[in-house]
Amino acid sequence: MQNFLLNGDFENEFHRWRGTDELHMADGWTPWWVGQTGDDPTWKNRRPEYKRATLIVDPHRVRSGESAQQYFSFWGTHKAGLWQQVVVMPGSLLSFKAWGHAWSSEADRPRPSQNPTNVHMRIGIDPLGGADPMSTSIIWSREQNAIDEWRLFSVEAQAHTDIVTVFIKSAPEWPKKHQDIYWDEASLEVLQEGPEDAPTAGGDRQTRFEITPAAPPPGMETIVRVLSPIGHVYISLIVRGPGQEALPVTGPTVGREGEERVWEYRFRPETAGPHTLVFGSDRGSRIICWTRLMVGAELPEPDEEAEPAPPAESAPVPAPTGRGAPRVPYGRTYVLLPPTANSAWAEAAMRGGFDARRTVGFSADDAGIGDLNERRVIAVNPHHWVNELTAAWFDEHYPGVKFHSLIVDTPQKLARALRNWKD
């Protein structure tokens, strides 16, 4: 199954969270803690220090790979952990798992822990996508006191919105000299998908995407501009491929257009299929807004064995008598798909044009030919042709065609646009 978490294995880079030396976080994760009140003794509810646990320091503190996330409160207790927001389909049944263990000891030797306290470790899912670890909407796993050994934590929940939040938590009862918590191998998997008509974008409505091209083929440089009147900070763009793999992104170039701030990024999709773009803060752990981008099939290679086109000065060959004229006069609307479209786009075009009985195909010549009362062409993403398809092309080769362009970035949007199209 695909892991929807960003850096769930804690192997990618660590960074100083918001520039704080004591908070070294794995990319994709945000720390949280409950602060002290005026009535708390000095040892209670301390803010932990976060750091990277490595094989070099102690192989026992890493379950797999080369690193894990560690946090600790020296001679103190804490209510703390980490969290990450994730884009999912509403209604999906989710499974969140993570491995954790603790070192709670009054002695310096790494194991066994001497006179440990109960550290109350657990993980949870907020199906509403909130960022409050105290929220009553969080569905928690059972607690475990994983002293000196790795234990698996697991919880399931059904997403209520397009964003959910996973939480990791510990809460030691009593202060110890060493109060260290370790987490590794976290995953969020979809056990059952939500409905097919799930949203294709979400988040802050004041922040929006401009993507060029709107549905690129694999390998094409894609420009993503994010515009907002809000001065977002600690921001980045995360691009996930069809298998939830993170793609390299360059940028941002920062500018302004009127009252809006503009962040410009660039990336190259590697494979065809749906990609998820998340504009967020804190290395992708906090989602501001998101959208889906459909990457089309690769452009076809030229057919070297194909018969060359006749010279421009050649006289046109008249069609044989009785061919090309309709049996009875009628008008036709042709939904013309680009070379980059795959079967999902074809099915969406059929669904969207079914009630109006439109013709769906891939040939510009088929779309333009015919001695008909009216010929209309709805060209889907005409910029995806090797030479961009335009009204001028039809004026030259098939005069009288009424040309319309339709720019959409997912098959779902295509079906919706065609259902609402008025011929």
Protein backbone atom coordinates (compact mmCIF):
# COMPACT_ATOMS: atom_id res chain seq x y z
CA MET A 1 0.00 0.00 0.00
CA GLN A 2 1.05 3.60 -0.56
CA ASN A 3 2.29 5.62 2.42
CA PHE A 4 0.61 9.03 2.35
CA LEU A 5 2.93 10.46 5.01
CA LEU A 6 5.78 12.73 4.04
CA ASN A 7 9.05 11.34 5.43
CA GLY A 8 7.31 8.69 7.50
CA ASP A 9 10.57 6.78 7.90
CA PHE A 10 12.37 9.87 9.31
CA GLU A 11 15.25 9.35 6.86
CA ASN A 12 15.15 12.69 5.03
CA GLU A 13 16.74 15.91 6.22
CA PHE A 14 16.22 17.30 9.72
CA HIS A 15 15.95 21.05 10.27
CA ARG A 16 15.74 23.62 13.05
CA TRP A 17 12.02 24.14 13.41
CA ARG A 18 11.39 27.86 12.85
CA GLY A 19 15.06 28.53 13.61
CA THR A 20 14.99 27.13 17.16
CA ASP A 21 18.19 25.30 18.14
CA GLU A 22 16.50 22.90 20.57
CA LEU A 23 13.89 21.77 18.04
CA HIS A 24 15.50 19.64 15.34
CA MET A 25 12.63 18.09 13.40
CA ALA A 26 12.43 15.58 10.60
CA ASP A 27 11.19 17.26 7.41
CA GLY A 28 7.42 16.91 7.11
CA TRP A 29 6.73 16.99 10.87
CA THR A 30 5.79 19.72 13.36
CA PRO A 31 6.49 19.52 17.11
CA TRP A 32 3.81 20.20 19.70
CA TRP A 33 3.80 20.39 23.49
CA VAL A 34 1.59 21.54 26.36
CA GLY A 35 3.17 24.53 28.10
CA GLN A 36 3.58 25.03 31.82
CA THR A 37 1.04 26.93 33.89
CA GLY A 38 1.78 29.15 36.86
CA ASP A 39 0.76 26.36 39.23
CA ASP A 40 3.06 23.71 37.74
CA PRO A 41 6.27 22.71 39.53
CA THR A 42 9.43 23.38 37.50
CA TRP A 43 9.77 19.73 36.45
CA LYS A 44 6.23 19.40 35.05
CA ASN A 45 5.16 19.95 31.43
CA ARG A 46 8.53 21.08 30.16
CA ARG A 47 9.01 21.76 26.50
CA PRO A 48 11.06 18.80 25.22
CA GLU A 49 14.16 19.07 23.08
CA TYR A 50 13.84 17.40 19.68
CA LYS A 51 16.74 15.84 17.78
CA ARG A 52 17.72 13.18 15.27
CA ALA A 53 18.48 9.74 16.71
CA THR A 54 21.16 7.96 14.67
CA LEU A 55 22.69 4.50 14.36
CA ILE A 56 26.10 5.93 15.22
CA VAL A 57 24.99 7.05 18.69
CA ASP A 58 22.97 3.93 19.53
CA PRO A 59 21.63 1.40 16.98
CA HIS A 60 18.92 0.36 19.44
CA ARG A 61 17.27 3.81 19.09
CA VAL A 62 16.62 3.32 15.35
CA ARG A 63 14.21 0.62 14.23
CA SER A 64 15.09 0.75 10.51
CA GLY A 65 17.22 2.85 8.20
CA GLU A 66 19.72 5.28 9.66
CA SER A 67 17.65 7.64 11.83
CA ALA A 68 14.54 8.17 13.92
CA GLN A 69 12.83 11.13 15.63
CA GLN A 70 13.82 11.62 19.27
CA TYR A 71 12.61 14.08 21.90
CA PHE A 72 13.31 14.27 25.63
CA SER A 73 12.76 16.25 28.82
CA PHE A 74 15.76 16.06 31.19
CA TRP A 75 14.64 15.59 34.84
CA GLY A 76 11.13 16.54 33.80
CA THR A 77 7.84 15.44 32.31
CA HIS A 78 6.05 16.54 29.17
CA LYS A 79 2.85 16.22 27.21
CA ALA A 80 4.23 16.44 23.72
CA GLY A 81 4.80 14.83 20.36
CA LEU A 82 4.61 15.65 16.67
CA TRP A 83 2.01 15.92 13.93
CA GLN A 84 1.52 16.11 10.17
CA GLN A 85 -1.42 17.04 7.93
CA VAL A 86 -2.18 14.89 4.88
CA VAL A 87 -4.42 15.26 1.80
CA VAL A 88 -6.85 12.34 1.36
CA MET A 89 -10.22 11.64 -0.23
CA PRO A 90 -13.10 12.41 2.15
CA GLY A 91 -14.76 9.23 3.32
CA SER A 92 -11.58 7.14 3.00
CA LEU A 93 -10.88 4.56 5.68
CA LEU A 94 -7.34 5.20 6.95
CA SER A 95 -4.80 3.20 8.91
CA PHE A 96 -2.07 5.06 10.82
CA LYS A 97 0.83 3.06 12.26
CA ALA A 98 4.11 3.95 13.96
CA TRP A 99 6.78 2.22 15.99
CA GLY A 100 7.85 3.78 19.29
CA HIS A 101 9.92 3.11 22.38
CA ALA A 102 11.16 5.01 25.42
CA TRP A 103 14.14 5.32 27.73
CA SER A 104 12.89 6.46 31.16
CA SER A 105 15.67 6.07 33.68
CA GLU A 106 17.43 7.52 36.71
CA ALA A 107 20.75 6.01 35.55
CA ASP A 108 22.98 6.90 32.60
CA ARG A 109 23.37 3.42 31.16
CA PRO A 110 21.22 3.11 28.01
CA ARG A 111 19.39 -0.05 29.08
CA PRO A 112 17.66 -1.37 30.98
CA SER A 113 15.85 1.71 32.27
CA GLN A 114 16.23 2.12 36.03
CA ASN A 115 13.05 2.89 37.98
CA PRO A 116 11.11 4.07 34.87
CA THR A 117 7.79 5.88 34.90
CA ASN A 118 4.78 5.18 32.68
CA VAL A 119 5.29 7.30 29.54
CA HIS A 120 1.73 6.89 28.15
CA MET A 121 2.61 6.66 24.43
CA ARG A 122 -0.05 6.58 21.71
CA ILE A 123 -0.88 7.83 18.20
CA GLY A 124 -4.05 9.32 16.73
CA ILE A 125 -5.93 10.62 13.68
CA ASP A 126 -8.01 13.77 13.57
CA PRO A 127 -10.49 13.07 10.73
CA LEU A 128 -11.34 16.80 10.63
CA GLY A 129 -7.75 17.82 9.88
CA GLY A 130 -7.26 20.07 12.91
CA ALA A 131 -3.94 21.06 14.49
CA ASP A 132 -5.02 20.90 18.15
CA PRO A 133 -3.56 17.82 19.92
CA MET A 134 -6.13 18.28 22.69
CA SER A 135 -9.12 18.13 20.29
CA THR A 136 -11.89 15.72 21.23
CA SER A 137 -12.26 14.77 17.55
CA ILE A 138 -8.95 12.86 17.57
CA ILE A 139 -9.29 9.08 17.47
CA TRP A 140 -6.47 7.62 19.55
CA SER A 141 -4.80 4.23 19.62
CA ARG A 142 -4.53 2.37 22.89
CA GLU A 143 -1.75 3.55 25.19
CA GLN A 144 1.45 1.56 25.60
CA ASN A 145 4.39 1.93 27.97
CA ALA A 146 7.10 0.93 25.48
CA ILE A 147 10.08 0.99 27.86
CA ASP A 148 13.35 -0.29 26.32
CA GLU A 149 11.64 -2.02 23.39
CA TRP A 150 10.05 -1.05 20.10
CA ARG A 151 6.29 -1.53 19.98
CA LEU A 152 3.83 -1.04 17.14
CA PHE A 153 1.05 1.53 17.59
CA SER A 154 -1.96 1.40 15.27
CA VAL A 155 -5.27 3.22 14.83
CA GLU A 156 -7.96 3.47 12.12
CA ALA A 157 -10.35 6.31 11.29
CA GLN A 158 -12.56 7.51 8.44
CA ALA A 159 -11.69 10.90 6.93
CA HIS A 160 -14.45 13.50 7.21
CA THR A 161 -12.73 16.11 5.00
CA ASP A 162 -10.00 16.29 2.35
CA ILE A 163 -7.32 16.90 5.02
CA VAL A 164 -6.59 14.74 8.06
CA THR A 165 -3.96 15.13 10.78
CA VAL A 166 -1.90 12.38 12.36
CA PHE A 167 -0.64 12.88 15.92
CA ILE A 168 2.11 11.19 17.94
CA LYS A 169 2.03 11.66 21.71
CA SER A 170 3.76 10.79 24.99
CA ALA A 171 3.05 11.97 28.54
CA PRO A 172 5.40 10.63 31.27
CA GLU A 173 3.89 10.66 34.77
CA TRP A 174 7.00 11.50 36.86
CA PRO A 175 10.32 13.22 36.17
CA LYS A 176 13.36 11.09 35.44
CA LYS A 177 16.93 12.02 34.57
CA HIS A 178 16.48 10.51 31.12
CA GLN A 179 12.99 10.87 29.68
CA ASP A 180 13.62 10.08 26.01
CA ILE A 181 11.01 9.09 23.40
CA TYR A 182 11.81 7.59 19.97
CA TRP A 183 9.57 7.12 16.91
CA ASP A 184 10.25 5.41 13.57
CA GLU A 185 8.52 3.75 10.59
CA ALA A 186 5.30 5.81 10.56
CA SER A 187 2.77 5.19 7.79
CA LEU A 188 -0.69 6.36 6.77
CA GLU A 189 -2.40 3.99 4.36
CA VAL A 190 -5.82 3.99 2.69
CA LEU A 191 -7.74 0.80 3.45
CA GLN A 192 -10.77 1.88 1.42
CA GLU A 193 -11.02 4.83 -0.96
CA GLY A 194 -13.60 7.56 -0.57
CA PRO A 195 -16.14 8.43 -3.31
CA GLU A 196 -14.91 9.15 -6.85
CA ASP A 197 -16.36 12.69 -6.86
CA ALA A 198 -13.86 13.82 -4.22
CA PRO A 199 -12.62 17.43 -4.45
CA THR A 200 -9.62 18.22 -6.65
CA ALA A 201 -8.45 21.19 -4.58
CA GLY A 202 -8.84 22.55 -1.06
CA GLY A 203 -7.51 24.61 1.79
CA ASP A 204 -7.27 28.38 2.14
CA ARG A 205 -9.56 29.97 -0.47
CA GLN A 206 -7.55 33.20 -0.54
CA THR A 207 -4.48 31.31 -1.76
CA ARG A 208 -4.60 29.87 -5.27
CA PHE A 209 -2.49 28.04 -7.85
CA GLU A 210 -1.61 28.96 -11.43
CA ILE A 211 0.00 25.98 -13.22
CA THR A 212 1.60 26.06 -16.67
CA PRO A 213 0.93 23.88 -18.59
CA ALA A 214 -2.39 22.86 -17.08
CA ALA A 215 -1.85 19.14 -17.79
CA PRO A 216 1.79 18.53 -18.74
CA PRO A 217 3.21 15.34 -20.22
CA PRO A 218 5.95 13.53 -18.29
CA GLY A 219 9.33 15.26 -18.46
CA MET A 220 7.98 18.72 -19.27
CA GLU A 221 9.08 21.54 -16.96
CA THR A 222 6.02 22.72 -15.08
CA ILE A 223 5.73 26.17 -13.52
CA VAL A 224 3.64 26.53 -10.38
CA ARG A 225 2.73 30.02 -9.19
CA VAL A 226 1.05 30.42 -5.81
CA LEU A 227 -0.74 33.74 -5.25
CA SER A 228 -2.14 35.04 -1.98
CA PRO A 229 -2.88 38.33 -0.20
CA ILE A 230 -1.54 36.63 2.94
CA GLY A 231 2.15 36.83 3.83
CA HIS A 232 2.67 33.12 4.51
CA VAL A 233 5.95 32.21 6.24
CA TYR A 234 8.11 29.07 6.51
CA ILE A 235 6.51 27.94 3.24
CA SER A 236 7.35 25.30 0.65
CA LEU A 237 5.73 23.40 -2.21
CA ILE A 238 5.52 19.61 -1.94
CA VAL A 239 4.75 17.64 -5.11
CA ARG A 240 3.69 13.99 -4.73
CA GLY A 241 3.52 11.65 -7.73
CA PRO A 242 0.91 8.94 -8.44
CA GLY A 243 2.66 6.59 -6.01
CA GLN A 244 2.93 9.30 -3.32
CA GLU A 245 6.63 9.73 -4.09
CA ALA A 246 7.99 13.25 -3.45
CA LEU A 247 9.44 14.98 -6.54
CA PRO A 248 12.33 17.50 -6.61
CA VAL A 249 11.09 21.10 -6.65
CA THR A 250 13.13 24.26 -7.25
CA GLY A 251 12.22 27.68 -5.88
CA PRO A 252 10.60 29.73 -4.81
CA THR A 253 11.14 32.95 -6.68
CA VAL A 254 9.23 35.49 -4.61
CA GLY A 255 7.48 38.58 -5.98
CA ARG A 256 4.33 40.68 -5.87
CA GLU A 257 1.45 41.38 -8.24
CA GLY A 258 -0.62 44.25 -6.92
CA GLU A 259 -1.83 43.34 -3.43
CA GLU A 260 -0.86 39.69 -3.80
CA ARG A 261 2.36 37.91 -2.98
CA VAL A 262 3.61 35.42 -5.56
CA TRP A 263 5.76 32.31 -5.02
CA GLU A 264 6.98 30.59 -8.19
CA TYR A 265 8.25 26.99 -8.26
CA ARG A 266 9.35 24.59 -10.99
CA PHE A 267 9.40 20.80 -11.26
CA ARG A 268 9.32 18.03 -13.88
CA PRO A 269 6.77 15.22 -13.49
CA GLU A 270 8.29 11.82 -14.12
CA THR A 271 5.25 9.66 -14.89
CA ALA A 272 1.70 10.06 -16.14
CA GLY A 273 -1.15 10.14 -13.65
CA PRO A 274 -2.56 12.32 -10.86
CA HIS A 275 -0.09 14.42 -8.88
CA THR A 276 -0.85 16.21 -5.60
CA LEU A 277 0.59 19.70 -5.05
CA VAL A 278 0.63 20.95 -1.46
CA PHE A 279 1.57 24.52 -0.57
CA GLY A 280 2.27 24.53 3.13
CA SER A 281 4.47 25.67 5.95
CA ASP A 282 6.95 23.92 8.26
CA ARG A 283 8.46 21.70 5.54
CA GLY A 284 5.09 20.43 4.32
CA SER A 285 3.62 19.37 7.66
CA ARG A 286 1.06 22.20 7.85
CA ILE A 287 -1.18 22.48 4.75
CA ILE A 288 -2.23 25.92 3.50
CA CYS A 289 -3.81 24.84 0.21
CA TRP A 290 -3.55 21.98 -2.26
CA THR A 291 -4.59 20.93 -5.73
CA ARG A 292 -4.37 17.92 -8.02
CA LEU A 293 -2.53 18.02 -11.36
CA MET A 294 -3.15 15.43 -14.06
CA VAL A 295 0.01 14.58 -15.94
CA GLY A 296 -0.88 13.19 -19.38
CA ALA A 297 0.68 10.45 -21.45
CA GLU A 298 3.90 11.15 -23.28
CA LEU A 299 3.67 12.81 -26.69
CA PRO A 300 3.82 10.23 -29.50
CA GLU A 301 7.01 9.93 -31.50
CA PRO A 302 6.76 10.93 -35.19
CA ASP A 303 6.08 7.98 -37.48
CA GLU A 304 9.17 7.85 -39.71
CA GLU A 305 7.50 5.39 -42.08
CA ALA A 306 4.40 7.49 -42.58
CA GLU A 307 3.79 8.82 -46.08
CA PRO A 308 4.97 12.44 -46.30
CA ALA A 309 2.37 15.14 -46.72
CA PRO A 310 1.93 16.47 -50.29
CA PRO A 311 3.68 19.77 -51.11
CA ALA A 312 1.72 22.91 -50.36
CA GLU A 313 1.47 23.78 -54.05
CA SER A 314 -0.19 20.45 -54.93
CA ALA A 315 -3.74 20.77 -56.17
CA PRO A 316 -6.35 19.30 -53.79
CA VAL A 317 -7.80 15.97 -54.81
CA PRO A 318 -11.60 16.14 -54.96
CA ALA A 319 -13.51 13.59 -52.93
CA PRO A 320 -15.30 10.87 -54.91
CA THR A 321 -18.93 11.57 -55.62
CA GLY A 322 -21.23 10.37 -52.87
CA ARG A 323 -18.62 10.42 -50.08
CA GLY A 324 -18.57 13.00 -47.26
CA ALA A 325 -22.14 14.27 -47.64
CA PRO A 326 -24.56 13.28 -44.85
CA ARG A 327 -27.61 11.11 -45.47
CA VAL A 328 -29.70 13.86 -43.85
CA PRO A 329 -28.45 17.30 -42.72
CA TYR A 330 -27.37 17.56 -39.08
CA GLY A 331 -24.98 19.46 -36.80
CA ARG A 332 -22.09 17.84 -34.95
CA THR A 333 -20.15 18.71 -31.79
CA TYR A 334 -16.82 16.90 -31.61
CA VAL A 335 -14.93 16.66 -28.28
CA LEU A 336 -11.31 16.55 -29.47
CA LEU A 337 -8.84 15.02 -27.00
CA PRO A 338 -5.09 15.78 -27.25
CA PRO A 339 -2.35 13.17 -27.84
CA THR A 340 -1.50 13.27 -24.13
CA ALA A 341 -4.94 12.02 -23.05
CA ASN A 342 -5.26 8.47 -21.72
CA SER A 343 -8.26 6.18 -21.21
CA ALA A 344 -9.34 8.07 -18.06
CA TRP A 345 -9.73 11.26 -20.10
CA ALA A 346 -11.61 9.41 -22.84
CA GLU A 347 -14.03 7.91 -20.31
CA ALA A 348 -14.55 11.34 -18.72
CA ALA A 349 -15.29 12.87 -22.13
CA MET A 350 -17.85 10.15 -22.84
CA ARG A 351 -19.52 10.65 -19.45
CA GLY A 352 -19.64 14.42 -19.85
CA GLY A 353 -20.94 14.33 -23.43
CA PHE A 354 -23.32 11.41 -23.14
CA ASP A 355 -26.58 13.33 -22.64
CA ALA A 356 -25.83 15.70 -25.53
CA ARG A 357 -24.71 12.77 -27.74
CA ARG A 358 -21.43 14.46 -28.67
CA THR A 359 -18.73 12.71 -30.68
CA VAL A 360 -15.47 11.99 -28.82
CA GLY A 361 -12.19 11.33 -30.57
CA PHE A 362 -8.50 12.12 -31.04
CA SER A 363 -8.32 13.22 -34.70
CA ALA A 364 -8.45 16.91 -35.63
CA ASP A 365 -9.22 15.91 -39.23
CA ASP A 366 -12.18 13.78 -38.14
CA ALA A 367 -13.37 16.71 -36.05
CA GLY A 368 -13.27 19.14 -38.99
CA ILE A 369 -14.34 17.08 -41.99
CA GLY A 370 -17.87 16.71 -43.31
CA ASP A 371 -20.48 18.56 -45.38
CA LEU A 372 -22.63 19.32 -42.36
CA ASN A 373 -24.98 22.13 -41.40
CA GLU A 374 -22.78 22.97 -38.41
CA ARG A 375 -19.42 21.67 -37.20
CA ARG A 376 -18.35 22.51 -33.65
CA VAL A 377 -15.06 21.42 -32.06
CA ILE A 378 -14.39 21.49 -28.32
CA ALA A 379 -10.60 21.09 -28.18
CA VAL A 380 -9.51 19.82 -24.77
CA ASN A 381 -6.11 21.24 -23.71
CA PRO A 382 -5.15 22.23 -27.29
CA HIS A 383 -1.71 23.35 -26.05
CA HIS A 384 -0.80 19.67 -25.60
CA TRP A 385 -0.47 19.10 -29.36
CA VAL A 386 3.07 19.15 -30.72
CA ASN A 387 2.10 22.32 -32.54
CA GLU A 388 -0.62 23.98 -30.48
CA LEU A 389 -4.02 23.45 -32.07
CA THR A 390 -5.81 26.72 -32.84
CA ALA A 391 -8.87 28.09 -34.63
CA ALA A 392 -6.52 29.25 -37.40
CA TRP A 393 -5.61 25.63 -38.18
CA PHE A 394 -9.27 24.76 -38.76
CA ASP A 395 -9.82 27.97 -40.76
CA GLU A 396 -7.03 26.86 -43.07
CA HIS A 397 -7.93 23.18 -43.45
CA TYR A 398 -11.65 22.97 -42.61
CA PRO A 399 -13.24 26.41 -43.04
CA GLY A 400 -16.51 26.98 -41.20
CA VAL A 401 -15.64 25.00 -38.06
CA LYS A 402 -16.65 26.74 -34.81
CA PHE A 403 -13.62 26.23 -32.56
CA HIS A 404 -13.73 26.27 -28.75
CA SER A 405 -10.85 25.49 -26.36
CA LEU A 406 -11.39 23.87 -22.96
CA ILE A 407 -8.51 23.92 -20.45
CA VAL A 408 -8.90 21.46 -17.57
CA ASP A 409 -6.36 19.62 -15.41
CA THR A 410 -8.23 16.46 -14.38
CA PRO A 411 -10.68 14.02 -16.05
CA GLN A 412 -13.23 14.81 -13.33
CA LYS A 413 -13.18 18.50 -14.24
CA LEU A 414 -13.52 17.60 -17.93
CA ALA A 415 -16.65 15.51 -17.31
CA ARG A 416 -18.15 18.29 -15.19
CA ALA A 417 -17.35 21.00 -17.76
CA LEU A 418 -18.88 18.99 -20.62
CA ARG A 419 -22.04 18.27 -18.66
CA ASN A 420 -22.49 22.03 -18.16
CA TRP A 421 -21.47 22.94 -21.75
CA LYS A 422 -24.08 24.63 -23.93
CA ASP A 423 -23.67 23.83 -27.62
